[in-house]
Full PDB file with SEQRES, HELIX, SHEET, SSBOND, CRYST1, ORIGX, SCALE, CONECT and MASTER records, all heavy atoms in Angstrom:
SEQRES   1 A   43  GLU LEU LYS GLY LYS THR THR ALA ASP LEU GLU LEU ILE          
SEQRES   2 A   43  GLY SER SER PRO LEU ILE THR GLN ILE ARG THR LYS ILE          
SEQRES   3 A   43  ALA ARG ILE ALA PRO THR ASN SER ARG VAL LEU ILE SER          
SEQRES   4 A   43  GLY PRO SER GLY                                              
HELIX    1 AA1 THR A    7  ASP A    9  5                                   3    
HELIX    2 AA2 PRO A   17  ILE A   29  1                                  13    
CRYST1    1.000    1.000    1.000  90.00  90.00  90.00 P 1           1          
ORIGX1      1.000000  0.000000  0.000000        0.00000                         
ORIGX2      0.000000  1.000000  0.000000        0.00000                         
ORIGX3      0.000000  0.000000  1.000000        0.00000                         
SCALE1      1.000000  0.000000  0.000000        0.00000                         
SCALE2      0.000000  1.000000  0.000000        0.00000                         
SCALE3      0.000000  0.000000  1.000000        0.00000                         
ATOM      1  N   GLU A   1    -174.001  66.523 -54.058  1.00  0.00           N  
ATOM      2  CA  GLU A   1    -173.155  66.435 -52.887  1.00  0.00           C  
ATOM      3  C   GLU A   1    -174.027  66.438 -51.648  1.00  0.00           C  
ATOM      4  O   GLU A   1    -173.749  65.751 -50.628  1.00  0.00           O  
ATOM      5  CB  GLU A   1    -172.188  67.597 -52.819  1.00  0.00           C  
ATOM      6  CG  GLU A   1    -171.088  67.609 -53.829  1.00  0.00           C  
ATOM      7  CD  GLU A   1    -170.378  68.887 -53.924  1.00  0.00           C  
ATOM      8  OE1 GLU A   1    -170.541  69.717 -53.012  1.00  0.00           O  
ATOM      9  OE2 GLU A   1    -169.630  69.122 -54.877  1.00  0.00           O  
ATOM     10  N   LEU A   2    -175.144  67.182 -51.644  1.00  0.00           N  
ATOM     11  CA  LEU A   2    -175.935  67.353 -50.438  1.00  0.00           C  
ATOM     12  C   LEU A   2    -177.050  66.378 -50.312  1.00  0.00           C  
ATOM     13  O   LEU A   2    -177.760  66.351 -49.317  1.00  0.00           O  
ATOM     14  CB  LEU A   2    -176.569  68.761 -50.444  1.00  0.00           C  
ATOM     15  CG  LEU A   2    -175.544  69.909 -50.434  1.00  0.00           C  
ATOM     16  CD1 LEU A   2    -176.272  71.218 -50.460  1.00  0.00           C  
ATOM     17  CD2 LEU A   2    -174.682  69.856 -49.205  1.00  0.00           C  
ATOM     18  N   LYS A   3    -177.228  65.480 -51.276  1.00  0.00           N  
ATOM     19  CA  LYS A   3    -178.229  64.437 -51.128  1.00  0.00           C  
ATOM     20  C   LYS A   3    -177.916  63.572 -49.897  1.00  0.00           C  
ATOM     21  O   LYS A   3    -176.852  63.146 -49.731  1.00  0.00           O  
ATOM     22  CB  LYS A   3    -178.292  63.527 -52.400  1.00  0.00           C  
ATOM     23  CG  LYS A   3    -179.032  64.151 -53.536  1.00  0.00           C  
ATOM     24  CD  LYS A   3    -179.074  63.200 -54.731  1.00  0.00           C  
ATOM     25  CE  LYS A   3    -179.852  63.855 -55.915  1.00  0.00           C  
ATOM     26  NZ  LYS A   3    -179.867  62.974 -57.078  1.00  0.00           N  
ATOM     27  N   GLY A   4    -178.958  63.297 -49.144  1.00  0.00           N  
ATOM     28  CA  GLY A   4    -178.770  62.491 -47.945  1.00  0.00           C  
ATOM     29  C   GLY A   4    -178.263  63.254 -46.775  1.00  0.00           C  
ATOM     30  O   GLY A   4    -178.114  62.677 -45.660  1.00  0.00           O  
ATOM     31  N   LYS A   5    -177.904  64.526 -46.932  1.00  0.00           N  
ATOM     32  CA  LYS A   5    -177.397  65.336 -45.819  1.00  0.00           C  
ATOM     33  C   LYS A   5    -178.528  66.229 -45.280  1.00  0.00           C  
ATOM     34  O   LYS A   5    -179.387  66.640 -46.064  1.00  0.00           O  
ATOM     35  CB  LYS A   5    -176.182  66.107 -46.193  1.00  0.00           C  
ATOM     36  CG  LYS A   5    -175.008  65.348 -46.644  1.00  0.00           C  
ATOM     37  CD  LYS A   5    -173.864  66.322 -46.967  1.00  0.00           C  
ATOM     38  CE  LYS A   5    -172.655  65.514 -47.435  1.00  0.00           C  
ATOM     39  NZ  LYS A   5    -172.132  64.699 -46.366  1.00  0.00           N  
ATOM     40  N   THR A   6    -178.543  66.484 -43.996  1.00  0.00           N  
ATOM     41  CA  THR A   6    -179.544  67.387 -43.447  1.00  0.00           C  
ATOM     42  C   THR A   6    -178.974  68.776 -43.376  1.00  0.00           C  
ATOM     43  O   THR A   6    -177.753  69.028 -43.328  1.00  0.00           O  
ATOM     44  CB  THR A   6    -179.913  66.973 -42.023  1.00  0.00           C  
ATOM     45  OG1 THR A   6    -178.740  67.093 -41.171  1.00  0.00           O  
ATOM     46  CG2 THR A   6    -180.357  65.523 -41.974  1.00  0.00           C  
ATOM     47  N   THR A   7    -179.852  69.766 -43.452  1.00  0.00           N  
ATOM     48  CA  THR A   7    -179.392  71.136 -43.352  1.00  0.00           C  
ATOM     49  C   THR A   7    -178.739  71.447 -42.048  1.00  0.00           C  
ATOM     50  O   THR A   7    -178.025  72.459 -41.906  1.00  0.00           O  
ATOM     51  CB  THR A   7    -180.576  72.116 -43.595  1.00  0.00           C  
ATOM     52  OG1 THR A   7    -181.634  71.775 -42.682  1.00  0.00           O  
ATOM     53  CG2 THR A   7    -181.096  72.014 -45.003  1.00  0.00           C  
ATOM     54  N   ALA A   8    -179.043  70.626 -41.003  1.00  0.00           N  
ATOM     55  CA  ALA A   8    -178.389  70.895 -39.704  1.00  0.00           C  
ATOM     56  C   ALA A   8    -176.908  70.622 -39.706  1.00  0.00           C  
ATOM     57  O   ALA A   8    -176.233  70.933 -38.701  1.00  0.00           O  
ATOM     58  CB  ALA A   8    -179.083  69.935 -38.630  1.00  0.00           C  
ATOM     59  N   ASP A   9    -176.383  70.044 -40.774  1.00  0.00           N  
ATOM     60  CA  ASP A   9    -174.966  69.760 -40.812  1.00  0.00           C  
ATOM     61  C   ASP A   9    -174.148  70.898 -41.512  1.00  0.00           C  
ATOM     62  O   ASP A   9    -173.012  70.712 -41.773  1.00  0.00           O  
ATOM     63  CB  ASP A   9    -174.734  68.458 -41.635  1.00  0.00           C  
ATOM     64  CG  ASP A   9    -175.353  67.281 -40.895  1.00  0.00           C  
ATOM     65  OD1 ASP A   9    -175.329  67.240 -39.666  1.00  0.00           O  
ATOM     66  OD2 ASP A   9    -175.816  66.373 -41.586  1.00  0.00           O  
ATOM     67  N   LEU A  10    -174.840  71.984 -41.902  1.00  0.00           N  
ATOM     68  CA  LEU A  10    -174.172  72.988 -42.748  1.00  0.00           C  
ATOM     69  C   LEU A  10    -173.776  74.287 -42.056  1.00  0.00           C  
ATOM     70  O   LEU A  10    -173.294  75.191 -42.705  1.00  0.00           O  
ATOM     71  CB  LEU A  10    -175.090  73.285 -43.919  1.00  0.00           C  
ATOM     72  CG  LEU A  10    -175.509  72.074 -44.754  1.00  0.00           C  
ATOM     73  CD1 LEU A  10    -176.397  72.580 -45.913  1.00  0.00           C  
ATOM     74  CD2 LEU A  10    -174.290  71.349 -45.315  1.00  0.00           C  
ATOM     75  N   GLU A  11    -173.981  74.371 -40.731  1.00  0.00           N  
ATOM     76  CA  GLU A  11    -173.546  75.535 -40.074  1.00  0.00           C  
ATOM     77  C   GLU A  11    -172.750  75.199 -38.791  1.00  0.00           C  
ATOM     78  O   GLU A  11    -172.981  74.182 -38.192  1.00  0.00           O  
ATOM     79  CB  GLU A  11    -174.792  76.403 -39.633  1.00  0.00           C  
ATOM     80  CG  GLU A  11    -175.520  77.020 -40.832  1.00  0.00           C  
ATOM     81  CD  GLU A  11    -176.643  77.983 -40.400  1.00  0.00           C  
ATOM     82  OE1 GLU A  11    -176.378  78.730 -39.379  1.00  0.00           O  
ATOM     83  OE2 GLU A  11    -177.694  77.937 -40.976  1.00  0.00           O  
ATOM     84  N   LEU A  12    -171.844  76.099 -38.400  1.00  0.00           N  
ATOM     85  CA  LEU A  12    -171.032  75.914 -37.219  1.00  0.00           C  
ATOM     86  C   LEU A  12    -171.750  76.699 -36.110  1.00  0.00           C  
ATOM     87  O   LEU A  12    -171.785  77.877 -36.122  1.00  0.00           O  
ATOM     88  CB  LEU A  12    -169.611  76.458 -37.450  1.00  0.00           C  
ATOM     89  CG  LEU A  12    -168.531  76.018 -36.490  1.00  0.00           C  
ATOM     90  CD1 LEU A  12    -168.368  74.495 -36.524  1.00  0.00           C  
ATOM     91  CD2 LEU A  12    -167.212  76.682 -36.865  1.00  0.00           C  
ATOM     92  N   ILE A  13    -172.339  75.981 -35.119  1.00  0.00           N  
ATOM     93  CA  ILE A  13    -173.195  76.562 -34.129  1.00  0.00           C  
ATOM     94  C   ILE A  13    -172.416  76.630 -32.766  1.00  0.00           C  
ATOM     95  O   ILE A  13    -171.756  75.718 -32.414  1.00  0.00           O  
ATOM     96  CB  ILE A  13    -174.486  75.769 -33.945  1.00  0.00           C  
ATOM     97  CG1 ILE A  13    -175.229  75.679 -35.291  1.00  0.00           C  
ATOM     98  CG2 ILE A  13    -175.358  76.402 -32.888  1.00  0.00           C  
ATOM     99  CD1 ILE A  13    -175.639  77.020 -35.805  1.00  0.00           C  
ATOM    100  N   GLY A  14    -172.595  77.753 -32.084  1.00  0.00           N  
ATOM    101  CA  GLY A  14    -172.046  77.895 -30.770  1.00  0.00           C  
ATOM    102  C   GLY A  14    -171.365  79.250 -30.615  1.00  0.00           C  
ATOM    103  O   GLY A  14    -170.959  79.870 -31.616  1.00  0.00           O  
ATOM    104  N   SER A  15    -171.216  79.720 -29.370  1.00  0.00           N  
ATOM    105  CA  SER A  15    -170.556  80.987 -29.100  1.00  0.00           C  
ATOM    106  C   SER A  15    -169.559  80.846 -28.018  1.00  0.00           C  
ATOM    107  O   SER A  15    -169.128  81.848 -27.453  1.00  0.00           O  
ATOM    108  CB  SER A  15    -171.614  82.033 -28.733  1.00  0.00           C  
ATOM    109  OG  SER A  15    -172.463  81.582 -27.688  1.00  0.00           O  
ATOM    110  N   SER A  16    -169.154  79.643 -27.651  1.00  0.00           N  
ATOM    111  CA  SER A  16    -168.132  79.421 -26.615  1.00  0.00           C  
ATOM    112  C   SER A  16    -166.799  79.950 -27.133  1.00  0.00           C  
ATOM    113  O   SER A  16    -166.576  80.080 -28.366  1.00  0.00           O  
ATOM    114  CB  SER A  16    -168.032  77.933 -26.295  1.00  0.00           C  
ATOM    115  OG  SER A  16    -167.594  77.226 -27.459  1.00  0.00           O  
ATOM    116  N   PRO A  17    -165.827  80.182 -26.272  1.00  0.00           N  
ATOM    117  CA  PRO A  17    -164.504  80.622 -26.676  1.00  0.00           C  
ATOM    118  C   PRO A  17    -163.840  79.601 -27.633  1.00  0.00           C  
ATOM    119  O   PRO A  17    -163.196  80.065 -28.606  1.00  0.00           O  
ATOM    120  CB  PRO A  17    -163.703  80.689 -25.353  1.00  0.00           C  
ATOM    121  CG  PRO A  17    -164.721  80.959 -24.305  1.00  0.00           C  
ATOM    122  CD  PRO A  17    -165.921  80.214 -24.778  1.00  0.00           C  
ATOM    123  N   LEU A  18    -164.025  78.319 -27.431  1.00  0.00           N  
ATOM    124  CA  LEU A  18    -163.389  77.338 -28.297  1.00  0.00           C  
ATOM    125  C   LEU A  18    -163.932  77.394 -29.725  1.00  0.00           C  
ATOM    126  O   LEU A  18    -163.183  77.376 -30.692  1.00  0.00           O  
ATOM    127  CB  LEU A  18    -163.638  75.948 -27.726  1.00  0.00           C  
ATOM    128  CG  LEU A  18    -162.758  75.539 -26.556  1.00  0.00           C  
ATOM    129  CD1 LEU A  18    -163.208  74.159 -26.017  1.00  0.00           C  
ATOM    130  CD2 LEU A  18    -161.306  75.480 -26.893  1.00  0.00           C  
ATOM    131  N   ILE A  19    -165.256  77.523 -29.862  1.00  0.00           N  
ATOM    132  CA  ILE A  19    -165.860  77.560 -31.228  1.00  0.00           C  
ATOM    133  C   ILE A  19    -165.599  78.884 -31.879  1.00  0.00           C  
ATOM    134  O   ILE A  19    -165.412  79.013 -33.104  1.00  0.00           O  
ATOM    135  CB  ILE A  19    -167.345  77.252 -31.161  1.00  0.00           C  
ATOM    136  CG1 ILE A  19    -167.809  76.427 -32.403  1.00  0.00           C  
ATOM    137  CG2 ILE A  19    -168.201  78.498 -31.044  1.00  0.00           C  
ATOM    138  CD1 ILE A  19    -167.220  75.046 -32.434  1.00  0.00           C  
ATOM    139  N   THR A  20    -165.492  79.942 -31.102  1.00  0.00           N  
ATOM    140  CA  THR A  20    -165.138  81.289 -31.612  1.00  0.00           C  
ATOM    141  C   THR A  20    -163.716  81.258 -32.155  1.00  0.00           C  
ATOM    142  O   THR A  20    -163.460  81.839 -33.233  1.00  0.00           O  
ATOM    143  CB  THR A  20    -165.326  82.359 -30.527  1.00  0.00           C  
ATOM    144  OG1 THR A  20    -166.637  82.293 -30.061  1.00  0.00           O  
ATOM    145  CG2 THR A  20    -164.950  83.731 -31.083  1.00  0.00           C  
ATOM    146  N   GLN A  21    -162.792  80.604 -31.506  1.00  0.00           N  
ATOM    147  CA  GLN A  21    -161.455  80.524 -31.951  1.00  0.00           C  
ATOM    148  C   GLN A  21    -161.372  79.758 -33.296  1.00  0.00           C  
ATOM    149  O   GLN A  21    -160.634  80.138 -34.218  1.00  0.00           O  
ATOM    150  CB  GLN A  21    -160.553  79.819 -30.880  1.00  0.00           C  
ATOM    151  CG  GLN A  21    -160.261  80.654 -29.667  1.00  0.00           C  
ATOM    152  CD  GLN A  21    -159.598  79.868 -28.626  1.00  0.00           C  
ATOM    153  OE1 GLN A  21    -159.108  78.711 -28.799  1.00  0.00           O  
ATOM    154  NE2 GLN A  21    -159.556  80.401 -27.389  1.00  0.00           N  
ATOM    155  N   ILE A  22    -162.166  78.703 -33.392  1.00  0.00           N  
ATOM    156  CA  ILE A  22    -162.194  77.926 -34.648  1.00  0.00           C  
ATOM    157  C   ILE A  22    -162.720  78.783 -35.798  1.00  0.00           C  
ATOM    158  O   ILE A  22    -162.145  78.766 -36.892  1.00  0.00           O  
ATOM    159  CB  ILE A  22    -163.021  76.620 -34.452  1.00  0.00           C  
ATOM    160  CG1 ILE A  22    -162.323  75.631 -33.566  1.00  0.00           C  
ATOM    161  CG2 ILE A  22    -163.315  75.993 -35.830  1.00  0.00           C  
ATOM    162  CD1 ILE A  22    -163.033  74.388 -33.304  1.00  0.00           C  
ATOM    163  N   ARG A  23    -163.758  79.536 -35.574  1.00  0.00           N  
ATOM    164  CA  ARG A  23    -164.254  80.454 -36.589  1.00  0.00           C  
ATOM    165  C   ARG A  23    -163.196  81.400 -37.052  1.00  0.00           C  
ATOM    166  O   ARG A  23    -163.078  81.660 -38.237  1.00  0.00           O  
ATOM    167  CB  ARG A  23    -165.496  81.206 -36.097  1.00  0.00           C  
ATOM    168  CG  ARG A  23    -166.757  80.348 -36.039  1.00  0.00           C  
ATOM    169  CD  ARG A  23    -167.956  81.347 -36.040  1.00  0.00           C  
ATOM    170  NE  ARG A  23    -169.170  80.573 -35.618  1.00  0.00           N  
ATOM    171  CZ  ARG A  23    -169.590  80.545 -34.384  1.00  0.00           C  
ATOM    172  NH1 ARG A  23    -168.928  81.090 -33.403  1.00  0.00           N  
ATOM    173  NH2 ARG A  23    -170.684  79.847 -34.095  1.00  0.00           N  
ATOM    174  N   THR A  24    -162.467  81.934 -36.092  1.00  0.00           N  
ATOM    175  CA  THR A  24    -161.426  82.920 -36.447  1.00  0.00           C  
ATOM    176  C   THR A  24    -160.316  82.234 -37.275  1.00  0.00           C  
ATOM    177  O   THR A  24    -159.888  82.809 -38.290  1.00  0.00           O  
ATOM    178  CB  THR A  24    -160.758  83.443 -35.145  1.00  0.00           C  
ATOM    179  OG1 THR A  24    -161.764  84.121 -34.397  1.00  0.00           O  
ATOM    180  CG2 THR A  24    -159.693  84.490 -35.494  1.00  0.00           C  
ATOM    181  N   LYS A  25    -159.972  81.028 -36.933  1.00  0.00           N  
ATOM    182  CA  LYS A  25    -158.907  80.316 -37.658  1.00  0.00           C  
ATOM    183  C   LYS A  25    -159.395  79.949 -39.095  1.00  0.00           C  
ATOM    184  O   LYS A  25    -158.699  80.067 -40.037  1.00  0.00           O  
ATOM    185  CB  LYS A  25    -158.528  78.980 -36.934  1.00  0.00           C  
ATOM    186  CG  LYS A  25    -157.734  79.248 -35.705  1.00  0.00           C  
ATOM    187  CD  LYS A  25    -157.308  77.949 -34.966  1.00  0.00           C  
ATOM    188  CE  LYS A  25    -156.538  78.167 -33.737  1.00  0.00           C  
ATOM    189  NZ  LYS A  25    -156.184  76.904 -33.019  1.00  0.00           N  
ATOM    190  N   ILE A  26    -160.660  79.569 -39.225  1.00  0.00           N  
ATOM    191  CA  ILE A  26    -161.262  79.230 -40.497  1.00  0.00           C  
ATOM    192  C   ILE A  26    -161.185  80.495 -41.430  1.00  0.00           C  
ATOM    193  O   ILE A  26    -160.809  80.371 -42.606  1.00  0.00           O  
ATOM    194  CB  ILE A  26    -162.714  78.747 -40.395  1.00  0.00           C  
ATOM    195  CG1 ILE A  26    -162.729  77.322 -39.716  1.00  0.00           C  
ATOM    196  CG2 ILE A  26    -163.416  78.724 -41.706  1.00  0.00           C  
ATOM    197  CD1 ILE A  26    -164.142  76.864 -39.390  1.00  0.00           C  
ATOM    198  N   ALA A  27    -161.561  81.617 -40.869  1.00  0.00           N  
ATOM    199  CA  ALA A  27    -161.562  82.862 -41.706  1.00  0.00           C  
ATOM    200  C   ALA A  27    -160.162  83.236 -42.125  1.00  0.00           C  
ATOM    201  O   ALA A  27    -159.976  83.737 -43.208  1.00  0.00           O  
ATOM    202  CB  ALA A  27    -162.123  84.034 -40.847  1.00  0.00           C  
ATOM    203  N   ARG A  28    -159.135  82.879 -41.325  1.00  0.00           N  
ATOM    204  CA  ARG A  28    -157.765  83.230 -41.721  1.00  0.00           C  
ATOM    205  C   ARG A  28    -157.221  82.197 -42.749  1.00  0.00           C  
ATOM    206  O   ARG A  28    -156.500  82.574 -43.631  1.00  0.00           O  
ATOM    207  CB  ARG A  28    -156.861  83.238 -40.448  1.00  0.00           C  
ATOM    208  CG  ARG A  28    -157.115  84.387 -39.537  1.00  0.00           C  
ATOM    209  CD  ARG A  28    -156.244  84.346 -38.317  1.00  0.00           C  
ATOM    210  NE  ARG A  28    -156.435  85.449 -37.387  1.00  0.00           N  
ATOM    211  CZ  ARG A  28    -155.864  85.530 -36.212  1.00  0.00           C  
ATOM    212  NH1 ARG A  28    -155.075  84.553 -35.766  1.00  0.00           N  
ATOM    213  NH2 ARG A  28    -156.167  86.566 -35.409  1.00  0.00           N  
ATOM    214  N   ILE A  29    -157.501  80.928 -42.503  1.00  0.00           N  
ATOM    215  CA  ILE A  29    -156.944  79.875 -43.339  1.00  0.00           C  
ATOM    216  C   ILE A  29    -157.678  79.758 -44.698  1.00  0.00           C  
ATOM    217  O   ILE A  29    -157.043  79.466 -45.747  1.00  0.00           O  
ATOM    218  CB  ILE A  29    -157.047  78.523 -42.588  1.00  0.00           C  
ATOM    219  CG1 ILE A  29    -156.140  78.586 -41.314  1.00  0.00           C  
ATOM    220  CG2 ILE A  29    -156.577  77.372 -43.459  1.00  0.00           C  
ATOM    221  CD1 ILE A  29    -156.357  77.402 -40.408  1.00  0.00           C  
ATOM    222  N   ALA A  30    -158.973  79.952 -44.742  1.00  0.00           N  
ATOM    223  CA  ALA A  30    -159.759  79.702 -45.962  1.00  0.00           C  
ATOM    224  C   ALA A  30    -159.248  80.346 -47.200  1.00  0.00           C  
ATOM    225  O   ALA A  30    -159.134  79.713 -48.245  1.00  0.00           O  
ATOM    226  CB  ALA A  30    -161.225  80.046 -45.703  1.00  0.00           C  
ATOM    227  N   PRO A  31    -158.904  81.687 -47.178  1.00  0.00           N  
ATOM    228  CA  PRO A  31    -158.458  82.294 -48.394  1.00  0.00           C  
ATOM    229  C   PRO A  31    -157.111  81.795 -48.968  1.00  0.00           C  
ATOM    230  O   PRO A  31    -156.785  82.096 -50.101  1.00  0.00           O  
ATOM    231  CB  PRO A  31    -158.360  83.828 -48.040  1.00  0.00           C  
ATOM    232  CG  PRO A  31    -159.166  83.928 -46.813  1.00  0.00           C  
ATOM    233  CD  PRO A  31    -158.975  82.632 -46.056  1.00  0.00           C  
ATOM    234  N   THR A  32    -156.352  81.161 -48.136  1.00  0.00           N  
ATOM    235  CA  THR A  32    -155.077  80.615 -48.580  1.00  0.00           C  
ATOM    236  C   THR A  32    -155.296  79.291 -49.360  1.00  0.00           C  
ATOM    237  O   THR A  32    -156.389  78.755 -49.385  1.00  0.00           O  
ATOM    238  CB  THR A  32    -154.129  80.330 -47.411  1.00  0.00           C  
ATOM    239  OG1 THR A  32    -154.581  79.148 -46.708  1.00  0.00           O  
ATOM    240  CG2 THR A  32    -154.080  81.514 -46.413  1.00  0.00           C  
ATOM    241  N   ASN A  33    -154.241  78.840 -49.975  1.00  0.00           N  
ATOM    242  CA  ASN A  33    -154.324  77.575 -50.694  1.00  0.00           C  
ATOM    243  C   ASN A  33    -153.660  76.466 -49.902  1.00  0.00           C  
ATOM    244  O   ASN A  33    -153.404  75.397 -50.468  1.00  0.00           O  
ATOM    245  CB  ASN A  33    -153.677  77.697 -52.078  1.00  0.00           C  
ATOM    246  CG  ASN A  33    -154.150  76.661 -53.035  1.00  0.00           C  
ATOM    247  OD1 ASN A  33    -155.294  76.297 -53.079  1.00  0.00           O  
ATOM    248  ND2 ASN A  33    -153.245  76.142 -53.889  1.00  0.00           N  
ATOM    249  N   SER A  34    -153.418  76.738 -48.635  1.00  0.00           N  
ATOM    250  CA  SER A  34    -152.704  75.744 -47.784  1.00  0.00           C  
ATOM    251  C   SER A  34    -153.498  74.501 -47.532  1.00  0.00           C  
ATOM    252  O   SER A  34    -154.757  74.535 -47.374  1.00  0.00           O  
ATOM    253  CB  SER A  34    -152.312  76.421 -46.446  1.00  0.00           C  
ATOM    254  OG  SER A  34    -151.484  77.540 -46.665  1.00  0.00           O  
ATOM    255  N   ARG A  35    -152.804  73.397 -47.380  1.00  0.00           N  
ATOM    256  CA  ARG A  35    -153.414  72.129 -46.985  1.00  0.00           C  
ATOM    257  C   ARG A  35    -153.745  72.161 -45.524  1.00  0.00           C  
ATOM    258  O   ARG A  35    -152.975  72.805 -44.717  1.00  0.00           O  
ATOM    259  CB  ARG A  35    -152.512  70.942 -47.281  1.00  0.00           C  
ATOM    260  CG  ARG A  35    -152.373  70.690 -48.798  1.00  0.00           C  
ATOM    261  CD  ARG A  35    -151.547  69.439 -49.083  1.00  0.00           C  
ATOM    262  NE  ARG A  35    -150.119  69.663 -48.852  1.00  0.00           N  
ATOM    263  CZ  ARG A  35    -149.347  70.226 -49.743  1.00  0.00           C  
ATOM    264  NH1 ARG A  35    -149.766  70.549 -50.927  1.00  0.00           N  
ATOM    265  NH2 ARG A  35    -148.040  70.372 -49.480  1.00  0.00           N  
ATOM    266  N   VAL A  36    -154.868  71.572 -45.132  1.00  0.00           N  
ATOM    267  CA  VAL A  36    -155.299  71.652 -43.709  1.00  0.00           C  
ATOM    268  C   VAL A  36    -155.547  70.216 -43.261  1.00  0.00           C  
ATOM    269  O   VAL A  36    -156.162  69.395 -43.902  1.00  0.00           O  
ATOM    270  CB  VAL A  36    -156.640  72.468 -43.642  1.00  0.00           C  
ATOM    271  CG1 VAL A  36    -157.092  72.558 -42.155  1.00  0.00           C  
ATOM    272  CG2 VAL A  36    -156.465  73.863 -44.221  1.00  0.00           C  
ATOM    273  N   LEU A  37    -155.052  69.946 -42.003  1.00  0.00           N  
ATOM    274  CA  LEU A  37    -155.337  68.686 -41.335  1.00  0.00           C  
ATOM    275  C   LEU A  37    -156.174  68.984 -40.135  1.00  0.00           C  
ATOM    276  O   LEU A  37    -155.801  69.649 -39.231  1.00  0.00           O  
ATOM    277  CB  LEU A  37    -154.069  67.982 -40.919  1.00  0.00           C  
ATOM    278  CG  LEU A  37    -154.202  66.682 -40.086  1.00  0.00           C  
ATOM    279  CD1 LEU A  37    -154.968  65.621 -40.918  1.00  0.00           C  
ATOM    280  CD2 LEU A  37    -152.874  66.159 -39.670  1.00  0.00           C  
ATOM    281  N   ILE A  38    -157.420  68.457 -40.171  1.00  0.00           N  
ATOM    282  CA  ILE A  38    -158.383  68.622 -39.098  1.00  0.00           C  
ATOM    283  C   ILE A  38    -158.419  67.427 -38.203  1.00  0.00           C  
ATOM    284  O   ILE A  38    -158.655  66.279 -38.674  1.00  0.00           O  
ATOM    285  CB  ILE A  38    -159.827  68.921 -39.620  1.00  0.00           C  
ATOM    286  CG1 ILE A  38    -159.804  70.059 -40.661  1.00  0.00           C  
ATOM    287  CG2 ILE A  38    -160.780  69.263 -38.500  1.00  0.00           C  
ATOM    288  CD1 ILE A  38    -161.080  70.160 -41.448  1.00  0.00           C  
ATOM    289  N   SER A  39    -158.127  67.566 -36.937  1.00  0.00           N  
ATOM    290  CA  SER A  39    -158.129  66.431 -36.013  1.00  0.00           C  
ATOM    291  C   SER A  39    -159.166  66.659 -34.928  1.00  0.00           C  
ATOM    292  O   SER A  39    -159.519  67.807 -34.604  1.00  0.00           O  
ATOM    293  CB  SER A  39    -156.754  66.246 -35.433  1.00  0.00           C  
ATOM    294  OG  SER A  39    -156.352  67.409 -34.699  1.00  0.00           O  
ATOM    295  N   GLY A  40    -159.645  65.584 -34.382  1.00  0.00           N  
ATOM    296  CA  GLY A  40    -160.640  65.652 -33.267  1.00  0.00           C  
ATOM    297  C   GLY A  40    -161.452  64.417 -33.206  1.00  0.00           C  
ATOM    298  O   GLY A  40    -161.491  63.564 -34.131  1.00  0.00           O  
ATOM    299  N   PRO A  41    -162.237  64.239 -32.098  1.00  0.00           N  
ATOM    300  CA  PRO A  41    -163.023  63.027 -31.938  1.00  0.00           C  
ATOM    301  C   PRO A  41    -164.116  62.955 -32.983  1.00  0.00           C  
ATOM    302  O   PRO A  41    -164.439  63.952 -33.643  1.00  0.00           O  
ATOM    303  CB  PRO A  41    -163.638  63.260 -30.527  1.00  0.00           C  
ATOM    304  CG  PRO A  41    -162.820  64.268 -29.918  1.00  0.00           C  
ATOM    305  CD  PRO A  41    -162.267  65.166 -30.945  1.00  0.00           C  
ATOM    306  N   SER A  42    -164.574  61.736 -33.183  1.00  0.00           N  
ATOM    307  CA  SER A  42    -165.695  61.513 -34.127  1.00  0.00           C  
ATOM    308  C   SER A  42    -166.950  62.261 -33.749  1.00  0.00           C  
ATOM    309  O   SER A  42    -167.259  62.346 -32.548  1.00  0.00           O  
ATOM    310  CB  SER A  42    -166.006  60.009 -34.224  1.00  0.00           C  
ATOM    311  OG  SER A  42    -167.060  59.755 -35.095  1.00  0.00           O  
ATOM    312  N   GLY A  43    -167.633  62.854 -34.715  1.00  0.00           N  
ATOM    313  CA  GLY A  43    -168.880  63.547 -34.406  1.00  0.00           C  
ATOM    314  C   GLY A  43    -168.723  65.032 -34.007  1.00  0.00           C  
ATOM    315  O   GLY A  43    -169.681  65.630 -33.559  1.00  0.00           O  
TER     316      GLY A  43                                                      
MASTER        0    0    0    2    0    0    0    6  315    1    0    4          
END                                                                             
């Protein structure tokens, strides 16, 4: 799976309020079995 990928793609970097909120949501959603739709600009 990781062939061709750089290690720079494997961590969520930043400490802004927006990225902190996303980390919080990930921690809440991950243990569930719910389907997730991620939206946002490319990149």
